[in-house]
Amino acid sequence: MSNSPYPIELIPLPAHPDPQHPIPLRREVTDLVNDPDASIQVSLFLQALDTFMKMSDLNDQTTYFRIAGE
């Protein structure tokens, strides 16, 4: 297992944003939890986070605990 840094690549932003298709802002988790209309989003987020946290290959640099622990 390597202790060297592993770069996390971000989604590239367009040079000229399209006003017809703006980039959505990330919502605060507390706003999602308190919004009854967002219950499906909260459920999907928690399922995805659970799956991400269960990744257990210690050699994989993209597992939750490797990323969160760095």
C-alpha atoms as a PDB file:
ATOM      1  CA  MET A   1       0.000   0.000   0.000  1.00  0.00           C
ATOM      2  CA  SER A   2       1.412   3.357  -1.030  1.00  0.00           C
ATOM      3  CA  ASN A   3       1.316   6.418   1.196  1.00  0.00           C
ATOM      4  CA  SER A   4       1.941   8.782  -1.698  1.00  0.00           C
ATOM      5  CA  PRO A   5      -0.734  11.394  -2.484  1.00  0.00           C
ATOM      6  CA  TYR A   6      -3.470  10.421  -4.911  1.00  0.00           C
ATOM      7  CA  PRO A   7      -4.911  13.316  -6.939  1.00  0.00           C
ATOM      8  CA  ILE A   8      -8.671  13.772  -6.849  1.00  0.00           C
ATOM      9  CA  GLU A   9      -9.842  15.217 -10.159  1.00  0.00           C
ATOM     10  CA  LEU A  10     -12.657  17.725 -10.183  1.00  0.00           C
ATOM     11  CA  ILE A  11     -15.345  18.091 -12.803  1.00  0.00           C
ATOM     12  CA  PRO A  12     -14.092  20.683 -15.297  1.00  0.00           C
ATOM     13  CA  LEU A  13     -16.167  23.831 -15.510  1.00  0.00           C
ATOM     14  CA  PRO A  14     -17.035  25.298 -18.892  1.00  0.00           C
ATOM     15  CA  ALA A  15     -15.116  28.413 -19.928  1.00  0.00           C
ATOM     16  CA  HIS A  16     -18.415  30.121 -20.814  1.00  0.00           C
ATOM     17  CA  PRO A  17     -21.300  28.934 -18.602  1.00  0.00           C
ATOM     18  CA  ASP A  18     -24.629  28.394 -20.355  1.00  0.00           C
ATOM     19  CA  PRO A  19     -27.367  30.426 -18.638  1.00  0.00           C
ATOM     20  CA  GLN A  20     -29.958  27.928 -19.910  1.00  0.00           C
ATOM     21  CA  HIS A  21     -28.173  25.073 -18.077  1.00  0.00           C
ATOM     22  CA  PRO A  22     -26.562  26.503 -14.940  1.00  0.00           C
ATOM     23  CA  ILE A  23     -24.362  24.329 -12.764  1.00  0.00           C
ATOM     24  CA  PRO A  24     -26.471  23.305  -9.745  1.00  0.00           C
ATOM     25  CA  LEU A  25     -25.238  24.388  -6.340  1.00  0.00           C
ATOM     26  CA  ARG A  26     -24.553  21.779  -3.685  1.00  0.00           C
ATOM     27  CA  ARG A  27     -27.177  21.872  -0.971  1.00  0.00           C
ATOM     28  CA  GLU A  28     -26.379  21.683   2.721  1.00  0.00           C
ATOM     29  CA  VAL A  29     -27.198  18.276   4.206  1.00  0.00           C
ATOM     30  CA  THR A  30     -29.299  19.888   6.942  1.00  0.00           C
ATOM     31  CA  ASP A  31     -31.393  21.634   4.273  1.00  0.00           C
ATOM     32  CA  LEU A  32     -31.973  18.312   2.522  1.00  0.00           C
ATOM     33  CA  VAL A  33     -32.929  16.505   5.727  1.00  0.00           C
ATOM     34  CA  ASN A  34     -35.366  19.266   6.720  1.00  0.00           C
ATOM     35  CA  ASP A  35     -37.010  19.369   3.268  1.00  0.00           C
ATOM     36  CA  PRO A  36     -39.820  16.782   2.983  1.00  0.00           C
ATOM     37  CA  ASP A  37     -39.687  17.070  -0.817  1.00  0.00           C
ATOM     38  CA  ALA A  38     -36.045  15.927  -0.780  1.00  0.00           C
ATOM     39  CA  SER A  39     -36.645  12.601   0.987  1.00  0.00           C
ATOM     40  CA  ILE A  40     -35.725  10.590  -2.115  1.00  0.00           C
ATOM     41  CA  GLN A  41     -32.504  12.593  -2.542  1.00  0.00           C
ATOM     42  CA  VAL A  42     -31.608  11.987   1.112  1.00  0.00           C
ATOM     43  CA  SER A  43     -32.333   8.273   0.770  1.00  0.00           C
ATOM     44  CA  LEU A  44     -30.199   7.964  -2.381  1.00  0.00           C
ATOM     45  CA  PHE A  45     -27.374   9.965  -0.777  1.00  0.00           C
ATOM     46  CA  LEU A  46     -27.362   7.708   2.298  1.00  0.00           C
ATOM     47  CA  GLN A  47     -27.435   4.554   0.162  1.00  0.00           C
ATOM     48  CA  ALA A  48     -24.549   5.836  -1.965  1.00  0.00           C
ATOM     49  CA  LEU A  49     -22.547   6.836   1.116  1.00  0.00           C
ATOM     50  CA  ASP A  50     -23.156   3.419   2.687  1.00  0.00           C
ATOM     51  CA  THR A  51     -21.962   1.668  -0.487  1.00  0.00           C
ATOM     52  CA  PHE A  52     -18.940   3.974  -0.693  1.00  0.00           C
ATOM     53  CA  MET A  53     -18.020   3.302   2.950  1.00  0.00           C
ATOM     54  CA  LYS A  54     -18.267  -0.480   2.414  1.00  0.00           C
ATOM     55  CA  MET A  55     -15.553  -0.444  -0.261  1.00  0.00           C
ATOM     56  CA  SER A  56     -12.805  -2.394   1.478  1.00  0.00           C
ATOM     57  CA  ASP A  57      -9.954  -2.919  -0.984  1.00  0.00           C
ATOM     58  CA  LEU A  58      -7.006  -1.542   0.997  1.00  0.00           C
ATOM     59  CA  ASN A  59      -4.993  -1.055  -2.196  1.00  0.00           C
ATOM     60  CA  ASP A  60      -7.674   1.107  -3.823  1.00  0.00           C
ATOM     61  CA  GLN A  61      -6.849   4.782  -3.344  1.00  0.00           C
ATOM     62  CA  THR A  62     -10.463   5.818  -4.048  1.00  0.00           C
ATOM     63  CA  THR A  63     -12.155   4.111  -1.083  1.00  0.00           C
ATOM     64  CA  TYR A  64     -13.964   6.293   1.437  1.00  0.00           C
ATOM     65  CA  PHE A  65     -11.481   5.780   4.254  1.00  0.00           C
ATOM     66  CA  ARG A  66      -8.452   6.427   2.025  1.00  0.00           C
ATOM     67  CA  ILE A  67      -9.970   9.679   0.781  1.00  0.00           C
ATOM     68  CA  ALA A  68     -11.395  10.776   4.151  1.00  0.00           C
ATOM     69  CA  GLY A  69      -8.209   9.831   5.988  1.00  0.00           C
ATOM     70  CA  GLU A  70      -5.805  11.691   3.750  1.00  0.00           C
END
